[in-house]
Amino acid sequence: MTRRLPSAPPLLPGLDYVRPLGSGGFADVFLYQQDMPRRQVAVKVLPIGERDPDMLRMFNAEADVLAHLSAHPSIVTVYQAGISADGRPFIVMEYCPGSLAQRYRIERVPVEEVMAIAVRLAGALESAHRAGLIHRDIKPSNILITTFGSAVLADFGISSTLVRSGDDEVLAMSIPWSAPEVVAEQTGGTIASEVWGLGATVYSLLAGHSPFERREKGQNTRDLMRRRIARGTFVPIARDDVPDALQQVLATAMARDPARRYRSAAEFGEAVREVQRGAGLAPTPLEVPADEWMPASVPIDFADAAPRGPVRSRVASESRRTGEPLEGTALRREEDTDVTTPPAGHGPIWPWVVGGVAGLVALGAGAGWIWMVLT
């Protein structure tokens, strides 16, 4: 399968493009420098020309879910979202310089660090579940490391509600970390399958490979992995420094029967905390919402595939005489535009600037006008 090349970075007001960060079948991610406040941010954007309603729906859902959950210290923070000049939806997020995508494969991650990550992610998932949401794609590459060295959960692009179901639902999975019932396409995701995915992810960080992965070449095709997960049983991690109590926690989380797993992500997190205590370590705080916390007043609409948010663009007017852009009509990078088409018949172009903070620019050429509020 040919890997898709990343699309061009969009022009966004108040943001200077730096470099690409990653690309996948769903979206591209770029590093930008934000002007005010000055900081580096990650911008996730759909590919140019993407019109698939499922992709648009998933993108909208990720923005809404992150906005609802990103106050959690172990969930990546979203800053804003909108539509770029070329019509692509985008999300501006916290820039995390690190990831666990490959680290566990090239180095032996300390057990103490893995247990701390496990508890933090358990708190993040429990918070999502209490809001009626599930992640559905827990795996090492979706665990990012912030500039302060903390692990945060990212990529809620295929998240869903705990009650949502139907033939129109997109079933997406990362096979090595998907629960047997998800691999068998019996469910799109439940709390039980999330517990399994979290256990499989923690297993991978300790073992250096996914739970049912084989070292032999050609033994890890999608079909072979599905079969092994469907009938497989827990195999202890081959590390002497992994406590037996932690092996048992992971075995419980990855029980083939969902009813035998931990009943919640919080229960899984508490079990890991008990292992930490037994090892003489200070237990990692399990951060979950207070009892008074309530979900957002407006439920997340996972069926919404309509473009939403302010349009961020640069507009270049075109001369009716030469067909060339008029010099000086390109709007500055930090300006938001609301493009409309007022009545025809207006005269020459007159720029207007009101105050040092806000102003109004009217650009007209022949029969057309472009209005923009500067802020």
Protein backbone atom coordinates (compact mmCIF):
# COMPACT_ATOMS: atom_id res chain seq x y z
CA MET A 1 0.00 0.00 0.00
CA THR A 2 1.40 3.38 -1.04
CA ARG A 3 1.88 5.81 1.82
CA ARG A 4 0.15 9.12 1.29
CA LEU A 5 2.40 12.18 1.16
CA PRO A 6 1.48 15.01 3.54
CA SER A 7 -0.51 17.86 2.04
CA ALA A 8 0.72 21.44 2.06
CA PRO A 9 0.53 23.20 5.44
CA PRO A 10 -2.44 25.58 5.61
CA LEU A 11 -2.13 29.33 6.00
CA LEU A 12 -3.43 30.22 9.47
CA PRO A 13 -3.69 33.64 11.13
CA GLY A 14 -1.32 34.20 14.02
CA LEU A 15 0.59 31.00 13.27
CA ASP A 16 3.88 30.55 11.42
CA TYR A 17 4.54 27.18 9.82
CA VAL A 18 7.69 25.42 11.06
CA ARG A 19 7.79 21.82 9.81
CA PRO A 20 5.71 18.63 9.39
CA LEU A 21 5.26 16.37 12.41
CA GLY A 22 3.48 13.39 10.95
CA SER A 23 1.04 12.08 8.38
CA GLY A 24 -1.49 9.28 8.25
CA GLY A 25 -4.53 8.13 6.35
CA PHE A 26 -6.76 10.36 8.46
CA ALA A 27 -4.93 13.69 8.76
CA ASP A 28 -1.64 15.58 8.65
CA VAL A 29 0.01 17.19 11.66
CA PHE A 30 2.31 20.23 11.41
CA LEU A 31 4.36 22.24 13.88
CA TYR A 32 3.57 25.97 13.99
CA GLN A 33 4.83 28.91 16.04
CA GLN A 34 1.99 30.88 17.59
CA ASP A 35 2.49 34.65 17.84
CA MET A 36 0.31 35.51 20.83
CA PRO A 37 0.80 33.97 23.27
CA ARG A 38 4.13 32.86 21.84
CA ARG A 39 4.45 29.09 21.90
CA GLN A 40 4.82 26.08 19.63
CA VAL A 41 1.60 24.28 18.73
CA ALA A 42 0.64 21.20 16.77
CA VAL A 43 -1.95 21.69 14.02
CA LYS A 44 -3.93 18.69 12.82
CA VAL A 45 -5.55 19.22 9.44
CA LEU A 46 -7.47 17.10 6.95
CA PRO A 47 -5.82 16.44 3.57
CA ILE A 48 -6.59 18.80 0.70
CA GLY A 49 -9.79 17.81 -1.09
CA GLU A 50 -11.03 15.48 1.65
CA ARG A 51 -14.81 15.25 1.34
CA ASP A 52 -15.53 11.88 2.95
CA PRO A 53 -18.40 12.48 5.42
CA ASP A 54 -16.97 9.86 7.81
CA MET A 55 -13.63 11.67 7.93
CA LEU A 56 -15.32 15.03 8.48
CA ARG A 57 -17.50 13.53 11.20
CA MET A 58 -14.52 11.97 12.97
CA PHE A 59 -12.57 15.22 12.76
CA ASN A 60 -15.42 17.24 14.27
CA ALA A 61 -15.86 14.65 16.99
CA GLU A 62 -12.19 14.78 17.95
CA ALA A 63 -12.29 18.57 18.31
CA ASP A 64 -15.42 18.39 20.46
CA VAL A 65 -14.20 15.50 22.62
CA LEU A 66 -10.83 17.15 23.25
CA ALA A 67 -12.51 20.44 24.10
CA HIS A 68 -14.60 18.59 26.67
CA LEU A 69 -11.81 16.47 28.17
CA SER A 70 -8.53 18.32 27.64
CA ALA A 71 -8.64 19.97 31.06
CA HIS A 72 -7.52 16.56 32.32
CA PRO A 73 -3.74 16.63 32.95
CA SER A 74 -3.26 13.35 31.07
CA ILE A 75 -5.22 14.29 27.92
CA VAL A 76 -3.67 16.47 25.23
CA THR A 77 -4.95 20.06 25.32
CA VAL A 78 -6.86 21.62 22.42
CA TYR A 79 -6.60 25.40 21.92
CA GLN A 80 -8.84 26.18 18.97
CA ALA A 81 -10.33 24.82 15.75
CA GLY A 82 -11.62 26.26 12.51
CA ILE A 83 -11.40 26.14 8.73
CA SER A 84 -8.29 27.13 6.81
CA ALA A 85 -8.14 29.37 3.73
CA ASP A 86 -8.30 26.36 1.40
CA GLY A 87 -11.36 24.95 3.15
CA ARG A 88 -9.71 22.32 5.37
CA PRO A 89 -10.87 21.80 8.97
CA PHE A 90 -8.01 22.09 11.47
CA ILE A 91 -7.40 21.68 15.19
CA VAL A 92 -4.70 23.59 17.10
CA MET A 93 -3.37 21.49 19.98
CA GLU A 94 -0.68 21.37 22.60
CA TYR A 95 2.68 20.46 21.05
CA CYS A 96 4.14 17.33 22.62
CA PRO A 97 7.76 16.79 21.51
CA GLY A 98 7.84 13.11 22.47
CA SER A 99 5.87 9.92 21.89
CA LEU A 100 5.93 6.30 22.96
CA ALA A 101 5.37 5.19 19.36
CA GLN A 102 8.81 3.56 19.00
CA ARG A 103 10.60 4.13 22.29
CA TYR A 104 9.43 0.85 23.83
CA ARG A 105 10.84 -1.05 20.85
CA ILE A 106 14.34 0.39 21.08
CA GLU A 107 14.89 0.72 24.81
CA ARG A 108 13.95 -1.03 28.03
CA VAL A 109 11.43 1.32 29.65
CA PRO A 110 11.75 1.23 33.47
CA VAL A 111 8.93 -0.59 35.25
CA GLU A 112 8.39 2.33 37.64
CA GLU A 113 7.85 4.70 34.72
CA VAL A 114 5.46 2.32 32.96
CA MET A 115 3.35 1.91 36.10
CA ALA A 116 3.11 5.70 36.49
CA ILE A 117 2.01 6.01 32.84
CA ALA A 118 -0.54 3.23 33.36
CA VAL A 119 -2.17 5.04 36.29
CA ARG A 120 -2.25 8.39 34.49
CA LEU A 121 -3.86 6.86 31.40
CA ALA A 122 -6.35 4.99 33.57
CA GLY A 123 -7.41 8.33 35.03
CA ALA A 124 -7.73 9.85 31.56
CA LEU A 125 -9.88 6.98 30.29
CA GLU A 126 -12.01 6.92 33.43
CA SER A 127 -12.70 10.63 32.93
CA ALA A 128 -13.76 10.00 29.33
CA HIS A 129 -15.97 7.09 30.37
CA ARG A 130 -17.70 9.15 33.06
CA ALA A 131 -18.48 11.67 30.33
CA GLY A 132 -20.07 8.86 28.31
CA LEU A 133 -17.19 8.70 25.82
CA ILE A 134 -14.78 5.99 24.74
CA HIS A 135 -11.44 6.42 22.94
CA ARG A 136 -11.43 3.21 20.81
CA ASP A 137 -7.79 3.41 19.74
CA ILE A 138 -5.52 3.03 22.76
CA LYS A 139 -1.95 2.17 21.71
CA PRO A 140 1.62 3.38 22.36
CA SER A 141 1.68 5.79 19.41
CA ASN A 142 -1.31 7.64 20.87
CA ILE A 143 0.57 8.35 24.08
CA LEU A 144 2.47 11.60 23.73
CA ILE A 145 5.06 13.13 26.05
CA THR A 146 4.68 16.79 26.97
CA THR A 147 7.51 19.30 27.37
CA PHE A 148 7.33 18.53 31.11
CA GLY A 149 7.86 14.82 30.52
CA SER A 150 4.29 13.77 31.32
CA ALA A 151 2.39 11.16 29.33
CA VAL A 152 -0.89 12.31 27.78
CA LEU A 153 -3.50 10.49 25.74
CA ALA A 154 -4.11 11.83 22.24
CA ASP A 155 -5.98 11.06 19.00
CA PHE A 156 -9.66 10.85 19.80
CA GLY A 157 -10.46 10.79 16.08
CA ILE A 158 -12.45 7.55 16.21
CA SER A 159 -13.95 8.09 19.65
CA SER A 160 -17.62 7.50 20.23
CA THR A 161 -20.31 7.52 22.90
CA LEU A 162 -20.88 4.53 25.13
CA VAL A 163 -24.46 4.23 23.85
CA ARG A 164 -23.95 4.98 20.17
CA SER A 165 -24.42 2.10 17.77
CA GLY A 166 -25.74 1.53 14.29
CA ASP A 167 -24.88 0.31 10.83
CA ASP A 168 -23.44 3.70 9.89
CA GLU A 169 -20.79 3.54 12.61
CA VAL A 170 -17.18 3.46 11.41
CA LEU A 171 -15.39 0.43 12.84
CA ALA A 172 -11.71 1.26 13.13
CA MET A 173 -9.08 -0.56 15.11
CA SER A 174 -5.38 -1.00 15.67
CA ILE A 175 -5.26 -4.79 15.63
CA PRO A 176 -2.32 -5.48 17.99
CA TRP A 177 -4.01 -3.59 20.86
CA SER A 178 -7.68 -4.36 20.14
CA ALA A 179 -9.72 -6.63 22.39
CA PRO A 180 -10.89 -10.01 21.03
CA GLU A 181 -14.52 -8.86 20.80
CA VAL A 182 -13.46 -5.81 18.79
CA VAL A 183 -11.29 -7.90 16.47
CA ALA A 184 -14.27 -10.21 15.95
CA GLU A 185 -16.34 -7.09 15.10
CA GLN A 186 -18.85 -7.90 17.84
CA THR A 187 -18.59 -4.35 19.19
CA GLY A 188 -17.10 -1.00 18.20
CA GLY A 189 -15.90 -0.40 21.72
CA THR A 190 -16.96 -0.68 25.37
CA ILE A 191 -15.44 0.05 28.76
CA ALA A 192 -14.33 -3.59 28.90
CA SER A 193 -12.56 -3.33 25.54
CA GLU A 194 -10.92 -0.08 26.66
CA VAL A 195 -9.56 -1.89 29.75
CA TRP A 196 -8.18 -4.61 27.47
CA GLY A 197 -6.54 -2.02 25.19
CA LEU A 198 -4.98 -0.23 28.15
CA GLY A 199 -3.62 -3.52 29.49
CA ALA A 200 -2.25 -4.45 26.07
CA THR A 201 -0.58 -1.05 25.76
CA VAL A 202 1.07 -1.31 29.18
CA TYR A 203 2.16 -4.85 28.27
CA SER A 204 3.81 -3.51 25.10
CA LEU A 205 5.72 -0.80 26.97
CA LEU A 206 7.18 -3.46 29.26
CA ALA A 207 7.72 -6.26 26.74
CA GLY A 208 9.05 -4.20 23.85
CA HIS A 209 6.40 -5.58 21.49
CA SER A 210 2.63 -5.96 21.32
CA PRO A 211 1.14 -8.90 23.25
CA PHE A 212 0.56 -11.29 20.34
CA GLU A 213 3.38 -10.17 18.07
CA ARG A 214 5.83 -12.76 16.73
CA ARG A 215 9.46 -12.10 15.91
CA GLU A 216 9.46 -14.24 12.75
CA LYS A 217 9.14 -12.41 9.45
CA GLY A 218 5.70 -12.67 7.87
CA GLN A 219 4.02 -13.78 11.07
CA ASN A 220 2.38 -10.47 11.92
CA THR A 221 -0.06 -9.95 9.10
CA ARG A 222 -3.45 -8.49 9.95
CA ASP A 223 -5.24 -11.84 9.58
CA LEU A 224 -2.71 -13.79 11.64
CA MET A 225 -2.79 -11.21 14.41
CA ARG A 226 -6.59 -11.32 14.50
CA ARG A 227 -6.57 -15.10 14.87
CA ARG A 228 -4.00 -15.08 17.66
CA ILE A 229 -5.86 -12.40 19.59
CA ALA A 230 -9.19 -14.23 19.19
CA ARG A 231 -7.91 -17.47 20.73
CA GLY A 232 -4.82 -16.33 22.61
CA THR A 233 -4.17 -16.37 26.33
CA PHE A 234 -1.99 -14.12 28.42
CA VAL A 235 1.74 -14.86 28.17
CA PRO A 236 3.82 -13.39 31.05
CA ILE A 237 6.33 -10.70 30.12
CA ALA A 238 9.87 -12.03 29.93
CA ARG A 239 11.42 -9.52 32.32
CA ASP A 240 12.74 -10.39 35.76
CA ASP A 241 12.09 -6.88 37.06
CA VAL A 242 8.34 -6.99 36.35
CA PRO A 243 6.62 -7.91 39.65
CA ASP A 244 4.37 -10.96 39.64
CA ALA A 245 1.60 -8.75 41.00
CA LEU A 246 1.85 -6.51 37.92
CA GLN A 247 1.80 -9.55 35.63
CA GLN A 248 -1.45 -10.59 37.33
CA VAL A 249 -2.95 -7.12 36.90
CA LEU A 250 -2.24 -7.25 33.17
CA ALA A 251 -3.55 -10.80 32.89
CA THR A 252 -6.83 -9.68 34.48
CA ALA A 253 -7.11 -6.62 32.24
CA MET A 254 -6.51 -8.80 29.17
CA ALA A 255 -8.83 -11.67 30.05
CA ARG A 256 -10.48 -13.02 26.93
CA ASP A 257 -13.88 -12.92 28.64
CA PRO A 258 -14.85 -9.24 29.11
CA ALA A 259 -16.75 -10.09 32.31
CA ARG A 260 -13.51 -11.23 33.98
CA ARG A 261 -11.67 -7.97 33.36
CA TYR A 262 -11.59 -4.95 35.63
CA ARG A 263 -14.97 -3.28 35.61
CA SER A 264 -13.54 0.17 34.92
CA ALA A 265 -10.37 2.00 34.00
CA ALA A 266 -10.30 3.38 37.54
CA GLU A 267 -10.32 -0.15 38.97
CA PHE A 268 -7.39 -1.03 36.71
CA GLY A 269 -5.56 2.10 37.88
CA GLU A 270 -6.15 1.25 41.55
CA ALA A 271 -4.77 -2.24 40.97
CA VAL A 272 -1.56 -0.78 39.52
CA ARG A 273 -1.34 1.61 42.49
CA GLU A 274 -1.46 -1.39 44.82
CA VAL A 275 1.50 -2.87 42.96
CA GLN A 276 3.35 0.42 43.40
CA ARG A 277 2.70 0.34 47.14
CA GLY A 278 3.86 -3.25 47.34
CA ALA A 279 7.10 -2.28 45.60
CA GLY A 280 7.71 0.53 48.11
CA LEU A 281 6.87 3.27 45.60
CA ALA A 282 4.65 6.29 46.15
CA PRO A 283 1.43 5.54 44.24
CA THR A 284 0.79 7.76 41.24
CA PRO A 285 -2.31 9.95 41.73
CA LEU A 286 -5.36 8.56 39.95
CA GLU A 287 -6.95 11.75 38.62
CA VAL A 288 -10.66 11.46 37.91
CA PRO A 289 -13.48 14.02 37.92
CA ALA A 290 -15.04 15.08 41.21
CA ASP A 291 -18.54 13.81 41.94
CA GLU A 292 -19.92 17.27 41.19
CA TRP A 293 -18.49 17.24 37.69
CA MET A 294 -21.05 16.96 34.91
CA PRO A 295 -20.64 16.43 31.16
CA ALA A 296 -21.03 19.36 28.80
CA SER A 297 -24.54 20.77 28.62
CA VAL A 298 -24.53 20.31 24.84
CA PRO A 299 -24.00 16.62 23.93
CA ILE A 300 -21.36 15.81 21.34
CA ASP A 301 -22.94 15.08 17.97
CA PHE A 302 -20.96 12.23 16.43
CA ALA A 303 -23.07 12.40 13.27
CA ASP A 304 -22.07 16.00 12.49
CA ALA A 305 -20.03 16.09 9.30
CA ALA A 306 -20.57 19.78 8.48
CA PRO A 307 -17.56 22.13 8.47
CA ARG A 308 -17.65 24.27 11.61
CA GLY A 309 -15.66 27.13 13.05
CA PRO A 310 -14.35 30.47 11.81
CA VAL A 311 -12.76 30.59 8.37
CA ARG A 312 -9.10 31.59 8.64
CA SER A 313 -7.84 32.88 5.33
CA ARG A 314 -5.67 35.13 3.24
CA VAL A 315 -7.51 36.85 0.42
CA ALA A 316 -5.80 38.17 -2.73
CA SER A 317 -8.03 40.31 -4.93
CA GLU A 318 -7.63 39.93 -8.67
CA SER A 319 -7.41 42.82 -11.11
CA ARG A 320 -10.18 42.76 -13.72
CA ARG A 321 -7.83 44.37 -16.22
CA THR A 322 -4.79 42.11 -16.00
CA GLY A 323 -5.96 39.06 -14.09
CA GLU A 324 -3.01 39.57 -11.73
CA PRO A 325 -3.34 39.96 -7.96
CA LEU A 326 -3.45 43.56 -6.82
CA GLU A 327 -0.39 44.44 -4.80
CA GLY A 328 -1.12 45.05 -1.15
CA THR A 329 -4.47 43.25 -1.09
CA ALA A 330 -3.21 40.09 0.60
CA LEU A 331 -4.48 40.14 4.14
CA ARG A 332 -1.93 39.90 6.90
CA ARG A 333 -1.36 36.52 8.54
CA GLU A 334 -2.96 37.42 11.84
CA GLU A 335 -6.25 38.60 10.36
CA ASP A 336 -9.47 36.58 10.38
CA THR A 337 -11.76 37.15 7.46
CA ASP A 338 -15.45 36.83 6.92
CA VAL A 339 -15.93 36.95 3.16
CA THR A 340 -19.29 38.06 1.82
CA THR A 341 -20.60 39.51 -1.45
CA PRO A 342 -22.39 42.86 -0.97
CA PRO A 343 -24.43 44.49 -3.71
CA ALA A 344 -22.71 45.52 -6.91
CA GLY A 345 -22.17 49.00 -8.19
CA HIS A 346 -19.64 50.40 -5.74
CA GLY A 347 -16.74 52.54 -6.77
CA PRO A 348 -13.00 52.34 -6.24
CA ILE A 349 -11.20 50.60 -3.36
CA TRP A 350 -10.96 52.60 -0.08
CA PRO A 351 -9.07 51.21 2.89
CA TRP A 352 -10.43 51.99 6.36
CA VAL A 353 -8.57 51.59 9.61
CA VAL A 354 -10.27 52.40 12.92
CA GLY A 355 -8.06 52.59 16.04
CA GLY A 356 -4.96 50.58 16.82
CA VAL A 357 -6.84 47.48 17.95
CA ALA A 358 -9.90 47.18 15.70
CA GLY A 359 -10.68 48.39 12.20
CA LEU A 360 -12.65 47.68 9.10
CA VAL A 361 -11.17 47.07 5.68
CA ALA A 362 -13.35 47.23 2.61
CA LEU A 363 -11.85 46.04 -0.62
CA GLY A 364 -13.91 46.44 -3.77
CA ALA A 365 -13.06 45.74 -7.36
CA GLY A 366 -15.59 46.70 -9.99
CA ALA A 367 -18.87 45.07 -8.99
CA GLY A 368 -17.61 43.10 -5.94
CA TRP A 369 -16.72 43.96 -2.33
CA ILE A 370 -14.79 42.09 0.32
CA TRP A 371 -15.38 43.06 3.97
CA MET A 372 -13.15 42.10 6.85
CA VAL A 373 -13.17 42.95 10.55
CA LEU A 374 -9.69 43.35 11.97
CA THR A 375 -9.16 42.26 15.54
